[in-house]
Amino acid sequence: MIKTTFKPPKPKAAATRLLPDLTEREKEVLQLTANGENMKMIADLLFISTDTVDKHSRNIVGKLQARNMKHAVAIGIRSKMIQ
């Protein structure tokens, strides 16, 4: 009789990385992006320039090691950072 043991698959690197802390403003930008707002609308809602929104977006992508903002939104939702 052959005895086998079950070994669960190792988690992927993306699933095991610790998520960095985003600033409150970065979380707001990420949430508004998830809500479907464009850069101009986010700037108007937060009373900041579109350049500032762009900078926050680049910071978010970098901190979450995302490919782009769509990927950052997916990471934020999966990690319950945003809704």
Protein backbone atom coordinates (compact mmCIF):
# COMPACT_ATOMS: atom_id res chain seq x y z
CA MET A 1 0.00 0.00 0.00
CA ILE A 2 1.32 3.42 -0.98
CA LYS A 3 0.86 6.12 1.58
CA THR A 4 0.72 9.71 0.36
CA THR A 5 0.59 12.86 2.38
CA PHE A 6 -1.20 15.96 1.33
CA LYS A 7 0.91 19.09 1.12
CA PRO A 8 -1.03 22.29 0.55
CA PRO A 9 0.39 24.54 -2.16
CA LYS A 10 2.71 27.28 -1.04
CA PRO A 11 1.10 30.71 -1.10
CA LYS A 12 2.16 33.03 -3.88
CA ALA A 13 4.52 35.86 -3.02
CA ALA A 14 1.84 38.51 -3.60
CA ALA A 15 -0.47 36.84 -1.10
CA THR A 16 2.16 36.68 1.62
CA ARG A 17 3.62 40.17 1.43
CA LEU A 18 2.75 42.51 4.23
CA LEU A 19 0.73 45.46 3.11
CA PRO A 20 2.31 48.81 3.88
CA ASP A 21 0.38 51.55 5.60
CA LEU A 22 -1.19 54.00 3.23
CA THR A 23 -1.81 57.54 4.42
CA GLU A 24 -5.41 58.56 5.00
CA ARG A 25 -5.31 60.65 1.82
CA GLU A 26 -3.94 57.72 -0.19
CA LYS A 27 -6.77 55.54 1.14
CA GLU A 28 -9.27 58.21 0.10
CA VAL A 29 -7.80 58.34 -3.41
CA LEU A 30 -7.81 54.54 -3.63
CA GLN A 31 -11.44 54.34 -2.44
CA LEU A 32 -12.58 57.03 -4.85
CA THR A 33 -10.78 55.24 -7.68
CA ALA A 34 -12.56 52.03 -6.68
CA ASN A 35 -15.83 53.97 -6.79
CA GLY A 36 -15.11 54.80 -10.44
CA GLU A 37 -14.14 58.44 -10.07
CA ASN A 38 -11.63 59.87 -12.53
CA MET A 39 -8.59 61.92 -11.58
CA LYS A 40 -10.31 65.29 -12.16
CA MET A 41 -13.33 64.32 -10.07
CA ILE A 42 -11.11 63.01 -7.24
CA ALA A 43 -9.19 66.30 -7.29
CA ASP A 44 -12.41 68.31 -7.11
CA LEU A 45 -13.88 66.16 -4.31
CA LEU A 46 -10.71 66.38 -2.20
CA PHE A 47 -9.91 70.02 -3.05
CA ILE A 48 -6.47 69.14 -4.41
CA SER A 49 -4.84 69.40 -7.83
CA THR A 50 -4.85 66.63 -10.41
CA ASP A 51 -1.05 66.60 -10.08
CA THR A 52 -1.46 65.77 -6.38
CA VAL A 53 -3.94 63.00 -7.20
CA ASP A 54 -1.44 61.64 -9.71
CA LYS A 55 1.33 61.71 -7.08
CA HIS A 56 -0.88 59.90 -4.55
CA SER A 57 -1.76 57.32 -7.21
CA ARG A 58 1.91 56.69 -7.98
CA ASN A 59 2.64 56.35 -4.26
CA ILE A 60 -0.21 53.85 -3.86
CA VAL A 61 0.97 51.73 -6.79
CA GLY A 62 4.52 51.75 -5.45
CA LYS A 63 3.60 50.95 -1.85
CA LEU A 64 1.28 48.09 -2.85
CA GLN A 65 3.71 46.84 -5.50
CA ALA A 66 0.84 46.95 -7.96
CA ARG A 67 1.11 47.03 -11.75
CA ASN A 68 -1.32 49.96 -12.02
CA MET A 69 -4.21 51.56 -10.16
CA LYS A 70 -6.66 48.86 -11.23
CA HIS A 71 -4.36 46.30 -9.66
CA ALA A 72 -3.99 48.52 -6.57
CA VAL A 73 -7.78 48.68 -6.23
CA ALA A 74 -7.98 44.89 -6.44
CA ILE A 75 -5.30 44.55 -3.74
CA GLY A 76 -7.10 47.11 -1.58
CA ILE A 77 -10.41 45.28 -1.85
CA ARG A 78 -8.91 41.83 -1.23
CA SER A 79 -7.07 43.09 1.84
CA LYS A 80 -10.19 44.92 3.08
CA MET A 81 -8.25 48.18 3.04
CA ILE A 82 -11.16 49.64 1.05
CA GLN A 83 -14.67 48.52 0.15
